[in-house]
């Protein structure tokens, strides 16, 4: 058994995280574009919020211990 792979999930994360990061940056870019060229305020806020949240999860996926959306509680582990 290879010591670099402790579980099957680690291999999957190696290609999912870059895809999620690219999608998050795309959503964020669409939100920034919508700020200047759209009259749909709630849609713009949704794009920016989802983009920022997805980018945060992609960057800190290995440190997140718990998340809560209603009360906006996030607990990160020390690395």
Protein backbone atom coordinates (compact mmCIF):
# COMPACT_ATOMS: atom_id res chain seq x y z
CA UNK A 1 0.00 0.00 0.00
CA UNK A 2 1.33 3.42 -0.95
CA UNK A 3 1.90 5.68 2.07
CA UNK A 4 0.92 8.77 0.07
CA UNK A 5 -2.67 7.57 -0.25
CA UNK A 6 -4.30 7.02 3.12
CA UNK A 7 -7.81 6.73 1.72
CA UNK A 8 -9.65 6.75 -1.58
CA UNK A 9 -11.13 10.18 -0.82
CA UNK A 10 -7.71 11.88 -0.97
CA UNK A 11 -7.30 10.97 -4.63
CA UNK A 12 -10.74 12.29 -5.50
CA UNK A 13 -10.02 15.58 -3.72
CA UNK A 14 -6.93 16.06 -5.88
CA UNK A 15 -9.08 16.68 -8.97
CA UNK A 16 -12.30 17.99 -7.37
CA UNK A 17 -10.70 20.92 -5.54
CA UNK A 18 -9.28 22.58 -8.70
CA UNK A 19 -12.62 22.15 -10.48
CA UNK A 20 -14.52 23.69 -7.55
CA UNK A 21 -11.98 26.52 -7.40
CA UNK A 22 -12.40 27.30 -11.10
CA UNK A 23 -16.20 27.18 -10.78
CA UNK A 24 -16.09 29.45 -7.72
CA UNK A 25 -13.90 31.98 -9.52
CA UNK A 26 -16.33 31.84 -12.47
CA UNK A 27 -19.31 32.50 -10.20
CA UNK A 28 -17.45 35.32 -8.51
CA UNK A 29 -16.54 36.82 -11.88
CA UNK A 30 -20.14 36.58 -13.03
CA UNK A 31 -21.23 38.29 -9.82
CA UNK A 32 -18.75 41.12 -10.30
CA UNK A 33 -19.93 41.52 -13.91
CA UNK A 34 -23.55 41.51 -12.74
CA UNK A 35 -22.82 44.28 -10.21
CA UNK A 36 -22.04 46.66 -13.04
CA UNK A 37 -24.29 45.42 -15.86
CA UNK A 38 -27.41 43.91 -14.25
CA UNK A 39 -30.52 45.27 -12.62
CA UNK A 40 -31.20 42.00 -10.81
CA UNK A 41 -29.95 42.82 -7.30
CA UNK A 42 -30.88 39.53 -5.59
CA UNK A 43 -29.30 37.50 -8.39
CA UNK A 44 -26.11 39.52 -8.14
CA UNK A 45 -25.95 39.03 -4.38
CA UNK A 46 -26.57 35.30 -4.81
CA UNK A 47 -23.74 34.96 -7.35
CA UNK A 48 -21.31 36.85 -5.14
CA UNK A 49 -22.30 34.94 -1.99
CA UNK A 50 -22.19 31.49 -3.56
CA UNK A 51 -18.94 32.28 -5.35
CA UNK A 52 -17.25 33.50 -2.18
CA UNK A 53 -18.55 30.57 -0.12
CA UNK A 54 -17.44 28.01 -2.73
CA UNK A 55 -14.00 29.62 -2.98
CA UNK A 56 -13.67 29.61 0.81
CA UNK A 57 -14.60 25.92 0.98
CA UNK A 58 -12.19 25.06 -1.85
CA UNK A 59 -9.30 26.88 -0.18
CA UNK A 60 -9.93 25.69 3.39
CA UNK A 61 -11.52 22.27 2.76
CA UNK A 62 -8.93 20.47 4.88
CA UNK A 63 -9.40 22.78 7.89
CA UNK A 64 -13.20 23.06 8.12
CA UNK A 65 -14.54 21.24 11.16
CA UNK A 66 -18.10 22.58 11.09
CA UNK A 67 -20.21 25.14 9.23
CA UNK A 68 -23.59 26.67 9.93
CA UNK A 69 -25.41 28.79 7.36
CA UNK A 70 -28.24 30.45 9.27
CA UNK A 71 -26.09 31.82 12.08
CA UNK A 72 -22.94 32.03 9.91
CA UNK A 73 -20.85 29.96 12.36
CA UNK A 74 -17.66 28.45 10.93
CA UNK A 75 -15.09 26.49 12.94
CA UNK A 76 -11.65 25.91 11.47
CA UNK A 77 -9.05 23.48 12.74
CA UNK A 78 -5.43 24.47 13.19
CA UNK A 79 -3.17 22.88 10.64
